[in-house]
Amino acid sequence: MKVIVLGAKGMLGTDLMNACRKAGIETEGFDLPEVDIARDDAGLKQAGQCDWVVNCAAYTDVDGAEKYREKAFSVNGDGAGRVARWCRNTGTPLVHISTDYVFDGNAGTPYREDAETNPLNVYGMSKLAGEKAVISSGSKYLIVRTQSLFSRNGRNFVQAIMSRLEEEGTEAQRDRGTEAQRDRGPLKVVNDQTSSPTYTVHLADAILRLLKTSRQGIVHVSASGECTWYEFACAIAASVRPGAEILPVTSGEYPRPARRPAYSVLDKALYKSWTGCEMPGWREGLEEYVKRMSNNQ
């Protein structure tokens, strides 16, 4: 088996390349600038023949998409369709990575694959456009919706919280007996948005399992369990700086350019049915992440 990974330098792409190699699967990765899926001349011809294409390439700046709408759609919408049509023309099955942000977050229970989509922000709209482009392309496809990714590779919530806590710890030591630390105030994190933070190493392993099933359609894959961003931040703090003060706030108290769904947990029953496996919990992912960071792996 040979797998081609687009967006190979990103969080998921990097871990998927590593997972493939560890499993003895021939893999080849492409990223900017050699392959730009947002351009008409996507450069995909140089990829050659393979058994699967996994499209991890995406515009992922959720707030930035509100300002740069055209850029988000050129990558997440038109770009996804361009990849899918190339796969159709070459007869290559496609795995396309999508997001929980195609939902509006008004559900009280985890979203199934057949749930109605209704994105709240431009990023979600662009990813939904990509899903539709893949589906209408005529290619053999598997759309994997996931959520709240974190990894050693690239910017993410865990990295941001750790950096802030480390910075505060350093300031507290340097400014002991002054007002500097007090003036800055404690870290504030929203407590009214619930998700399932997913470690990309676990997601990469799940994608390999799905490749072996040769299934088509849409499937949800994210960490087991759920938590608010505040609860996640507290768990991060407990692992790297116990006792750090973190305050819960509402989304209204912490406005962002893009609206986020209040509850976007994905139902993984179909994934379990297809693979016979359950996804590891978000706490397991965080524990493994912290361990690898500590060991510099």
Protein backbone atom coordinates (compact mmCIF):
# COMPACT_ATOMS: atom_id res chain seq x y z
CA MET A 1 0.00 0.00 0.00
CA LYS A 2 1.13 3.54 -0.78
CA VAL A 3 -0.41 6.62 0.84
CA ILE A 4 0.02 10.22 -0.27
CA VAL A 5 -0.53 12.86 2.40
CA LEU A 6 -1.38 16.45 1.45
CA GLY A 7 -0.67 19.02 4.12
CA ALA A 8 2.13 16.76 5.35
CA LYS A 9 3.82 19.45 7.47
CA GLY A 10 0.76 20.26 9.57
CA MET A 11 -0.27 18.79 12.92
CA LEU A 12 -2.20 15.81 11.59
CA GLY A 13 -0.14 15.42 8.43
CA THR A 14 3.11 15.06 10.37
CA ASP A 15 1.68 12.45 12.74
CA LEU A 16 -0.01 10.57 9.90
CA MET A 17 3.27 10.36 8.00
CA ASN A 18 4.95 9.00 11.13
CA ALA A 19 2.13 6.49 11.74
CA CYS A 20 2.32 5.21 8.16
CA ARG A 21 6.07 4.72 8.33
CA LYS A 22 5.85 3.02 11.70
CA ALA A 23 3.28 0.62 10.22
CA GLY A 24 5.54 -0.14 7.25
CA ILE A 25 3.28 1.70 4.79
CA GLU A 26 4.97 3.48 1.92
CA THR A 27 4.08 7.15 2.20
CA GLU A 28 4.89 10.39 0.44
CA GLY A 29 4.04 13.82 1.79
CA PHE A 30 3.39 17.12 0.02
CA ASP A 31 2.84 20.61 1.34
CA LEU A 32 3.33 24.21 0.35
CA PRO A 33 4.93 25.40 -1.84
CA GLU A 34 5.32 22.28 -4.01
CA VAL A 35 1.60 21.47 -3.88
CA ASP A 36 -0.93 24.25 -3.37
CA ILE A 37 -4.46 22.88 -3.58
CA ALA A 38 -5.85 26.44 -3.76
CA ARG A 39 -4.35 26.95 -7.21
CA ASP A 40 -5.67 25.66 -10.53
CA ASP A 41 -2.28 24.10 -11.19
CA ALA A 42 -2.23 22.16 -7.94
CA GLY A 43 0.91 20.23 -8.79
CA LEU A 44 -0.78 16.95 -7.92
CA LYS A 45 0.58 15.22 -11.01
CA GLN A 46 3.96 14.90 -9.35
CA ALA A 47 2.38 12.76 -6.64
CA GLY A 48 2.19 9.76 -8.96
CA GLN A 49 0.17 6.61 -8.39
CA CYS A 50 -0.93 5.50 -4.94
CA ASP A 51 -3.61 3.53 -3.13
CA TRP A 52 -4.94 6.42 -1.04
CA VAL A 53 -4.73 10.20 -0.92
CA VAL A 54 -5.31 11.75 2.51
CA ASN A 55 -6.09 15.46 2.31
CA CYS A 56 -5.00 17.15 5.55
CA ALA A 57 -4.36 20.47 3.79
CA ALA A 58 -6.61 23.24 5.11
CA TYR A 59 -6.93 26.87 6.08
CA THR A 60 -7.44 26.47 9.84
CA ASP A 61 -7.41 30.02 11.25
CA VAL A 62 -11.01 30.13 12.48
CA ASP A 63 -10.96 33.83 13.41
CA GLY A 64 -8.83 34.75 10.42
CA ALA A 65 -11.38 33.22 8.08
CA GLU A 66 -13.89 35.90 9.08
CA LYS A 67 -11.60 38.49 7.53
CA TYR A 68 -10.05 36.37 4.77
CA ARG A 69 -13.16 34.59 3.57
CA GLU A 70 -11.95 34.16 -0.01
CA LYS A 71 -8.72 32.53 1.14
CA ALA A 72 -10.57 30.11 3.43
CA PHE A 73 -12.93 29.04 0.66
CA SER A 74 -10.14 28.78 -1.93
CA VAL A 75 -8.38 26.15 0.21
CA ASN A 76 -11.14 24.45 2.20
CA GLY A 77 -13.83 24.55 -0.48
CA ASP A 78 -12.40 24.85 -4.00
CA GLY A 79 -9.13 23.18 -3.02
CA ALA A 80 -10.89 20.14 -1.58
CA GLY A 81 -12.92 19.82 -4.77
CA ARG A 82 -9.76 20.08 -6.89
CA VAL A 83 -8.14 17.22 -4.96
CA ALA A 84 -11.31 15.12 -5.20
CA ARG A 85 -11.54 15.56 -8.98
CA TRP A 86 -7.88 14.57 -9.36
CA CYS A 87 -8.64 11.44 -7.33
CA ARG A 88 -11.65 10.71 -9.53
CA ASN A 89 -9.60 11.08 -12.70
CA THR A 90 -6.87 8.77 -11.40
CA GLY A 91 -9.22 6.29 -9.73
CA THR A 92 -7.62 6.94 -6.33
CA PRO A 93 -9.74 6.78 -3.14
CA LEU A 94 -9.66 9.97 -1.06
CA VAL A 95 -9.74 10.55 2.68
CA HIS A 96 -10.73 14.16 3.33
CA ILE A 97 -10.45 15.71 6.79
CA SER A 98 -13.34 17.91 7.92
CA THR A 99 -14.57 19.43 11.17
CA ASP A 100 -17.22 19.58 13.89
CA TYR A 101 -17.68 23.27 13.01
CA VAL A 102 -20.06 22.27 10.21
CA PHE A 103 -22.63 22.04 13.07
CA ASP A 104 -24.25 24.93 14.96
CA GLY A 105 -23.82 23.45 18.44
CA ASN A 106 -27.48 23.55 19.42
CA ALA A 107 -27.73 19.79 19.96
CA GLY A 108 -27.77 18.38 23.46
CA THR A 109 -26.29 15.04 22.44
CA PRO A 110 -23.26 14.10 20.29
CA TYR A 111 -23.70 14.70 16.57
CA ARG A 112 -24.19 11.71 14.29
CA GLU A 113 -22.95 11.70 10.72
CA ASP A 114 -26.46 12.29 9.35
CA ALA A 115 -27.19 15.29 11.60
CA GLU A 116 -28.19 18.52 9.90
CA THR A 117 -25.28 20.84 9.19
CA ASN A 118 -25.51 24.56 9.93
CA PRO A 119 -22.11 26.23 10.44
CA LEU A 120 -21.91 29.41 12.50
CA ASN A 121 -18.69 30.83 11.08
CA VAL A 122 -16.86 31.24 7.78
CA TYR A 123 -14.38 28.49 8.59
CA GLY A 124 -17.22 26.00 9.12
CA MET A 125 -18.94 27.20 5.95
CA SER A 126 -15.77 26.73 3.92
CA LYS A 127 -15.22 23.23 5.30
CA LEU A 128 -18.83 22.31 4.54
CA ALA A 129 -18.31 23.60 1.00
CA GLY A 130 -15.32 21.26 0.79
CA GLU A 131 -17.41 18.31 1.92
CA LYS A 132 -20.01 19.06 -0.75
CA ALA A 133 -17.33 19.42 -3.41
CA VAL A 134 -15.85 16.04 -2.47
CA ILE A 135 -19.25 14.33 -2.45
CA SER A 136 -20.24 15.76 -5.85
CA SER A 137 -16.87 15.03 -7.49
CA GLY A 138 -17.62 11.43 -8.39
CA SER A 139 -14.54 10.20 -6.54
CA LYS A 140 -14.38 7.37 -4.04
CA TYR A 141 -14.21 9.24 -0.76
CA LEU A 142 -14.20 8.98 2.99
CA ILE A 143 -14.83 12.24 4.85
CA VAL A 144 -13.45 12.14 8.39
CA ARG A 145 -14.90 14.82 10.65
CA THR A 146 -12.82 15.51 13.72
CA GLN A 147 -12.38 18.30 16.27
CA SER A 148 -10.18 20.38 18.56
CA LEU A 149 -6.85 18.93 17.44
CA PHE A 150 -3.65 19.24 19.42
CA SER A 151 -0.15 18.00 18.68
CA ARG A 152 3.51 18.87 19.07
CA ASN A 153 3.43 20.17 15.51
CA GLY A 154 1.87 23.57 14.96
CA ARG A 155 -0.11 26.03 17.05
CA ASN A 156 -2.91 24.65 19.22
CA PHE A 157 -4.78 25.20 22.49
CA VAL A 158 -2.56 22.96 24.65
CA GLN A 159 0.58 24.66 23.45
CA ALA A 160 -0.96 28.10 24.04
CA ILE A 161 -2.07 27.29 27.60
CA MET A 162 1.30 25.73 28.48
CA SER A 163 3.18 28.76 27.14
CA ARG A 164 0.99 31.14 29.11
CA LEU A 165 1.38 29.15 32.33
CA GLU A 166 5.15 28.90 31.91
CA GLU A 167 5.33 32.62 31.23
CA GLU A 168 3.29 33.42 34.32
CA GLY A 169 5.42 31.10 36.43
CA THR A 170 8.58 32.89 35.29
CA GLU A 171 7.05 36.31 35.93
CA ALA A 172 5.86 35.25 39.37
CA GLN A 173 9.43 34.28 40.31
CA ARG A 174 10.97 37.41 38.83
CA ASP A 175 8.38 39.84 40.19
CA ARG A 176 7.82 38.36 43.62
CA GLY A 177 6.89 41.15 46.02
CA THR A 178 5.74 43.49 43.24
CA GLU A 179 2.40 44.16 41.57
CA ALA A 180 3.45 42.93 38.12
CA GLN A 181 1.90 39.48 38.28
CA ARG A 182 -1.20 40.69 40.06
CA ASP A 183 -1.79 43.44 37.49
CA ARG A 184 -1.79 41.00 34.59
CA GLY A 185 -4.46 38.85 36.21
CA PRO A 186 -5.22 35.13 36.00
CA LEU A 187 -5.76 33.17 32.81
CA LYS A 188 -9.40 33.23 31.65
CA VAL A 189 -10.91 30.42 29.56
CA VAL A 190 -14.46 29.96 28.25
CA ASN A 191 -16.59 27.46 30.13
CA ASP A 192 -19.65 27.32 27.86
CA GLN A 193 -18.19 25.58 24.81
CA THR A 194 -17.95 21.79 24.96
CA SER A 195 -15.85 19.62 22.66
CA SER A 196 -13.67 16.50 22.58
CA PRO A 197 -10.02 17.61 22.31
CA THR A 198 -8.26 15.12 20.06
CA TYR A 199 -4.58 14.17 20.05
CA THR A 200 -3.44 13.91 16.44
CA VAL A 201 -1.31 10.82 17.12
CA HIS A 202 -4.51 8.99 18.10
CA LEU A 203 -6.37 10.42 15.10
CA ALA A 204 -3.59 9.30 12.74
CA ASP A 205 -3.82 5.75 14.11
CA ALA A 206 -7.59 5.85 13.62
CA ILE A 207 -7.22 6.94 9.99
CA LEU A 208 -4.93 3.96 9.32
CA ARG A 209 -7.58 1.65 10.74
CA LEU A 210 -10.16 3.24 8.46
CA LEU A 211 -7.95 2.79 5.40
CA LYS A 212 -7.95 -0.95 6.05
CA THR A 213 -11.76 -1.06 6.04
CA SER A 214 -12.05 0.55 2.56
CA ARG A 215 -15.29 2.20 3.73
CA GLN A 216 -16.83 5.20 1.99
CA GLY A 217 -19.04 8.03 3.21
CA ILE A 218 -18.76 10.26 6.27
CA VAL A 219 -17.47 9.14 9.66
CA HIS A 220 -16.84 10.99 12.92
CA VAL A 221 -13.52 10.43 14.67
CA SER A 222 -12.43 12.33 17.78
CA ALA A 223 -11.39 11.61 21.33
CA SER A 224 -13.75 9.83 23.69
CA GLY A 225 -15.35 11.91 26.41
CA GLU A 226 -16.07 15.61 26.43
CA CYS A 227 -15.11 18.75 28.31
CA THR A 228 -15.35 22.51 28.18
CA TRP A 229 -12.29 24.52 27.20
CA TYR A 230 -12.06 25.64 30.83
CA GLU A 231 -12.01 22.03 32.04
CA PHE A 232 -9.40 21.22 29.44
CA ALA A 233 -7.26 24.16 30.52
CA CYS A 234 -7.49 23.06 34.16
CA ALA A 235 -6.35 19.55 33.18
CA ILE A 236 -3.41 21.04 31.26
CA ALA A 237 -2.47 23.19 34.25
CA ALA A 238 -2.67 20.21 36.61
CA SER A 239 -0.10 18.39 34.49
CA VAL A 240 2.41 21.22 34.08
CA ARG A 241 1.79 23.82 36.81
CA PRO A 242 -0.51 22.58 39.60
CA GLY A 243 -2.21 25.32 41.51
CA ALA A 244 -2.19 27.82 38.66
CA GLU A 245 -5.22 30.08 38.77
CA ILE A 246 -7.61 29.79 35.83
CA LEU A 247 -10.96 31.57 35.80
CA PRO A 248 -14.03 30.36 33.87
CA VAL A 249 -15.73 32.96 31.68
CA THR A 250 -18.60 32.96 29.20
CA SER A 251 -18.21 33.36 25.46
CA GLY A 252 -19.84 36.76 25.85
CA GLU A 253 -17.10 37.84 28.23
CA TYR A 254 -14.41 36.64 25.82
CA PRO A 255 -15.65 37.73 22.37
CA ARG A 256 -13.90 36.42 19.27
CA PRO A 257 -14.38 37.38 15.58
CA ALA A 258 -15.85 33.94 14.79
CA ARG A 259 -18.78 32.40 16.67
CA ARG A 260 -18.12 28.93 18.06
CA PRO A 261 -20.70 26.17 18.59
CA ALA A 262 -21.62 25.70 22.24
CA TYR A 263 -21.75 21.89 21.97
CA SER A 264 -20.06 20.16 19.05
CA VAL A 265 -19.18 16.71 20.42
CA LEU A 266 -19.14 14.05 17.70
CA ASP A 267 -20.77 10.63 17.99
CA LYS A 268 -18.16 7.92 17.30
CA ALA A 269 -20.50 4.90 17.17
CA LEU A 270 -20.05 4.43 13.42
CA TYR A 271 -16.27 4.50 13.72
CA LYS A 272 -16.44 1.84 16.43
CA SER A 273 -18.79 -0.25 14.27
CA TRP A 274 -16.44 -0.06 11.28
CA THR A 275 -13.16 -0.66 13.11
CA GLY A 276 -14.12 -2.50 16.30
CA CYS A 277 -12.11 0.10 18.25
CA GLU A 278 -12.94 2.98 20.54
CA MET A 279 -11.01 6.22 20.43
CA PRO A 280 -8.79 6.97 23.44
CA GLY A 281 -10.12 9.62 25.81
CA TRP A 282 -9.04 13.25 25.67
CA ARG A 283 -7.30 12.87 29.04
CA GLU A 284 -5.26 9.98 27.63
CA GLY A 285 -4.27 12.15 24.70
CA LEU A 286 -3.22 14.99 26.96
CA GLU A 287 -1.23 12.64 29.21
CA GLU A 288 0.62 11.19 26.22
CA TYR A 289 1.25 14.65 24.81
CA VAL A 290 2.73 15.92 28.09
CA LYS A 291 4.84 12.79 28.44
CA ARG A 292 6.28 13.15 24.96
CA MET A 293 6.98 16.83 25.53
CA SER A 294 8.77 16.03 28.78
CA ASN A 295 10.88 13.38 27.06
CA ASN A 296 11.38 15.62 24.01
CA GLN A 297 10.13 12.87 21.69
